[in-house]
Amino acid sequence: MPTRRFVLIACLGLVPTAPVLAQVSSGEIGAPPLDVPPPDVPTSPAYPPQLPEADDDDYGISRREAVRIARRNGVVDVESVRRRRGVWIVSGTDDDDEDIRVVVNDEGDVIAVRRD
């Protein structure tokens, strides 16, 4: 049991160190922390930097192109578009309100059309 008490006391002893360290960083006890200049932030209109969409740069065709190809193959209402194992899977319904799934690879070729 002495080790549990020691660990508990040690943990509780660390709690008040944050205010003490804040006072030390200001230069003297009771003084407010020193002013830290803000980091240099670019003032260009493109800040924050625009990240490219993952589906446009990492894969051969974009999500939008996969949906267009799926629509040409019978999908009328698109319910979901997801990426799995190197292909786009576009799920939705066809003209007869039946479920349809179109699988399109990175080159834009239709791998499978499945109607459920």
C-alpha atoms as a PDB file:
ATOM      1  CA  MET A   1       0.000   0.000   0.000  1.00  0.00           C
ATOM      2  CA  PRO A   2       2.820   2.512   0.490  1.00  0.00           C
ATOM      3  CA  THR A   3       3.388   2.651  -3.268  1.00  0.00           C
ATOM      4  CA  ARG A   4      -0.226   3.632  -3.997  1.00  0.00           C
ATOM      5  CA  ARG A   5      -0.032   6.439  -1.467  1.00  0.00           C
ATOM      6  CA  PHE A   6       3.254   7.593  -2.924  1.00  0.00           C
ATOM      7  CA  VAL A   7       1.847   7.630  -6.456  1.00  0.00           C
ATOM      8  CA  LEU A   8      -1.273   9.498  -5.324  1.00  0.00           C
ATOM      9  CA  ILE A   9       0.767  12.078  -3.431  1.00  0.00           C
ATOM     10  CA  ALA A  10       3.151  12.457  -6.350  1.00  0.00           C
ATOM     11  CA  CYS A  11       0.269  13.015  -8.787  1.00  0.00           C
ATOM     12  CA  LEU A  12      -1.411  15.530  -6.519  1.00  0.00           C
ATOM     13  CA  GLY A  13       1.882  17.274  -6.020  1.00  0.00           C
ATOM     14  CA  LEU A  14       2.194  17.930  -9.751  1.00  0.00           C
ATOM     15  CA  VAL A  15      -1.114  19.776 -10.044  1.00  0.00           C
ATOM     16  CA  PRO A  16      -0.053  23.134  -8.569  1.00  0.00           C
ATOM     17  CA  THR A  17       3.073  23.339 -10.737  1.00  0.00           C
ATOM     18  CA  ALA A  18       1.278  24.935 -13.720  1.00  0.00           C
ATOM     19  CA  PRO A  19       0.562  28.276 -11.969  1.00  0.00           C
ATOM     20  CA  VAL A  20       4.049  28.293 -10.537  1.00  0.00           C
ATOM     21  CA  LEU A  21       5.585  27.763 -13.967  1.00  0.00           C
ATOM     22  CA  ALA A  22       3.435  30.574 -15.384  1.00  0.00           C
ATOM     23  CA  GLN A  23       4.795  32.935 -12.732  1.00  0.00           C
ATOM     24  CA  VAL A  24       8.345  31.847 -13.398  1.00  0.00           C
ATOM     25  CA  SER A  25       7.966  32.495 -17.142  1.00  0.00           C
ATOM     26  CA  SER A  26       6.825  36.055 -16.447  1.00  0.00           C
ATOM     27  CA  GLY A  27      10.013  36.949 -14.657  1.00  0.00           C
ATOM     28  CA  GLU A  28       8.789  37.449 -11.134  1.00  0.00           C
ATOM     29  CA  ILE A  29       6.191  35.986  -8.810  1.00  0.00           C
ATOM     30  CA  GLY A  30       2.807  37.660  -9.097  1.00  0.00           C
ATOM     31  CA  ALA A  31       3.586  39.378 -12.397  1.00  0.00           C
ATOM     32  CA  PRO A  32       1.520  38.663 -15.524  1.00  0.00           C
ATOM     33  CA  PRO A  33       3.106  36.468 -18.184  1.00  0.00           C
ATOM     34  CA  LEU A  34       5.407  38.161 -20.660  1.00  0.00           C
ATOM     35  CA  ASP A  35       3.872  39.273 -23.937  1.00  0.00           C
ATOM     36  CA  VAL A  36       4.607  36.833 -26.691  1.00  0.00           C
ATOM     37  CA  PRO A  37       4.477  38.258 -30.211  1.00  0.00           C
ATOM     38  CA  PRO A  38       1.943  36.543 -32.472  1.00  0.00           C
ATOM     39  CA  PRO A  39       3.329  34.151 -35.062  1.00  0.00           C
ATOM     40  CA  ASP A  40       3.875  35.504 -38.534  1.00  0.00           C
ATOM     41  CA  VAL A  41       0.643  34.877 -40.377  1.00  0.00           C
ATOM     42  CA  PRO A  42       0.567  35.425 -44.121  1.00  0.00           C
ATOM     43  CA  THR A  43      -1.916  38.098 -45.152  1.00  0.00           C
ATOM     44  CA  SER A  44      -2.564  36.719 -48.606  1.00  0.00           C
ATOM     45  CA  PRO A  45      -6.185  36.022 -49.600  1.00  0.00           C
ATOM     46  CA  ALA A  46      -5.346  32.319 -50.003  1.00  0.00           C
ATOM     47  CA  TYR A  47      -4.719  31.896 -46.269  1.00  0.00           C
ATOM     48  CA  PRO A  48      -5.456  29.363 -44.874  1.00  0.00           C
ATOM     49  CA  PRO A  49      -3.980  27.341 -47.717  1.00  0.00           C
ATOM     50  CA  GLN A  50      -6.567  25.493 -49.750  1.00  0.00           C
ATOM     51  CA  LEU A  51      -6.043  21.774 -49.541  1.00  0.00           C
ATOM     52  CA  PRO A  52      -6.779  19.798 -52.705  1.00  0.00           C
ATOM     53  CA  GLU A  53      -9.692  17.440 -52.600  1.00  0.00           C
ATOM     54  CA  ALA A  54      -8.401  13.941 -51.999  1.00  0.00           C
ATOM     55  CA  ASP A  55     -10.634  12.380 -54.623  1.00  0.00           C
ATOM     56  CA  ASP A  56      -9.400  14.723 -57.381  1.00  0.00           C
ATOM     57  CA  ASP A  57      -5.638  14.427 -56.950  1.00  0.00           C
ATOM     58  CA  ASP A  58      -5.059  10.978 -55.497  1.00  0.00           C
ATOM     59  CA  TYR A  59      -7.191   9.005 -57.930  1.00  0.00           C
ATOM     60  CA  GLY A  60      -7.524   8.851 -61.691  1.00  0.00           C
ATOM     61  CA  ILE A  61     -11.051  10.235 -61.853  1.00  0.00           C
ATOM     62  CA  SER A  62     -12.907  12.478 -59.455  1.00  0.00           C
ATOM     63  CA  ARG A  63     -16.018  11.689 -57.475  1.00  0.00           C
ATOM     64  CA  ARG A  64     -18.045  13.872 -59.836  1.00  0.00           C
ATOM     65  CA  GLU A  65     -16.783  12.004 -62.908  1.00  0.00           C
ATOM     66  CA  ALA A  66     -17.642   8.668 -61.267  1.00  0.00           C
ATOM     67  CA  VAL A  67     -21.213   9.891 -60.694  1.00  0.00           C
ATOM     68  CA  ARG A  68     -21.510  11.024 -64.319  1.00  0.00           C
ATOM     69  CA  ILE A  69     -20.351   7.625 -65.549  1.00  0.00           C
ATOM     70  CA  ALA A  70     -22.787   5.887 -63.195  1.00  0.00           C
ATOM     71  CA  ARG A  71     -25.667   8.053 -64.476  1.00  0.00           C
ATOM     72  CA  ARG A  72     -24.802   6.999 -68.033  1.00  0.00           C
ATOM     73  CA  ASN A  73     -25.132   3.396 -66.837  1.00  0.00           C
ATOM     74  CA  GLY A  74     -28.595   3.675 -65.315  1.00  0.00           C
ATOM     75  CA  VAL A  75     -28.334   5.485 -61.999  1.00  0.00           C
ATOM     76  CA  VAL A  76     -31.078   8.106 -61.728  1.00  0.00           C
ATOM     77  CA  ASP A  77     -30.986   9.098 -58.050  1.00  0.00           C
ATOM     78  CA  VAL A  78     -27.571   8.879 -56.384  1.00  0.00           C
ATOM     79  CA  GLU A  79     -27.757   7.818 -52.732  1.00  0.00           C
ATOM     80  CA  SER A  80     -24.067   7.398 -51.918  1.00  0.00           C
ATOM     81  CA  VAL A  81     -20.620   7.557 -53.472  1.00  0.00           C
ATOM     82  CA  ARG A  82     -17.710   5.902 -51.720  1.00  0.00           C
ATOM     83  CA  ARG A  83     -14.173   4.834 -52.413  1.00  0.00           C
ATOM     84  CA  ARG A  84     -13.099   1.234 -51.793  1.00  0.00           C
ATOM     85  CA  ARG A  85     -10.046  -0.735 -52.925  1.00  0.00           C
ATOM     86  CA  GLY A  86      -9.148   1.442 -55.884  1.00  0.00           C
ATOM     87  CA  VAL A  87     -12.666   1.896 -57.302  1.00  0.00           C
ATOM     88  CA  TRP A  88     -15.607   4.255 -56.913  1.00  0.00           C
ATOM     89  CA  ILE A  89     -18.886   2.655 -55.845  1.00  0.00           C
ATOM     90  CA  VAL A  90     -21.950   4.700 -56.780  1.00  0.00           C
ATOM     91  CA  SER A  91     -25.212   3.487 -55.221  1.00  0.00           C
ATOM     92  CA  GLY A  92     -28.682   4.725 -56.003  1.00  0.00           C
ATOM     93  CA  THR A  93     -31.893   3.876 -57.827  1.00  0.00           C
ATOM     94  CA  ASP A  94     -32.721   3.403 -61.495  1.00  0.00           C
ATOM     95  CA  ASP A  95     -35.759   4.387 -63.595  1.00  0.00           C
ATOM     96  CA  ASP A  96     -37.909   1.655 -62.010  1.00  0.00           C
ATOM     97  CA  ASP A  97     -37.009   2.703 -58.434  1.00  0.00           C
ATOM     98  CA  GLU A  98     -34.895  -0.437 -58.081  1.00  0.00           C
ATOM     99  CA  ASP A  99     -31.567  -0.320 -56.239  1.00  0.00           C
ATOM    100  CA  ILE A 100     -28.524  -0.114 -58.494  1.00  0.00           C
ATOM    101  CA  ARG A 101     -24.804  -0.064 -57.797  1.00  0.00           C
ATOM    102  CA  VAL A 102     -22.172   0.916 -60.370  1.00  0.00           C
ATOM    103  CA  VAL A 103     -18.471   0.256 -59.780  1.00  0.00           C
ATOM    104  CA  VAL A 104     -16.048   2.499 -61.713  1.00  0.00           C
ATOM    105  CA  ASN A 105     -12.260   2.149 -61.739  1.00  0.00           C
ATOM    106  CA  ASP A 106      -9.673   4.959 -61.799  1.00  0.00           C
ATOM    107  CA  GLU A 107      -9.549   5.058 -65.587  1.00  0.00           C
ATOM    108  CA  GLY A 108     -13.315   5.593 -65.837  1.00  0.00           C
ATOM    109  CA  ASP A 109     -14.147   2.059 -66.938  1.00  0.00           C
ATOM    110  CA  VAL A 110     -17.293   0.443 -65.558  1.00  0.00           C
ATOM    111  CA  ILE A 111     -16.300  -2.699 -63.696  1.00  0.00           C
ATOM    112  CA  ALA A 112     -19.740  -3.849 -62.598  1.00  0.00           C
ATOM    113  CA  VAL A 113     -23.398  -2.841 -62.653  1.00  0.00           C
ATOM    114  CA  ARG A 114     -25.472  -4.615 -60.031  1.00  0.00           C
ATOM    115  CA  ARG A 115     -29.232  -4.270 -59.696  1.00  0.00           C
ATOM    116  CA  ASP A 116     -30.760  -5.568 -56.469  1.00  0.00           C
END
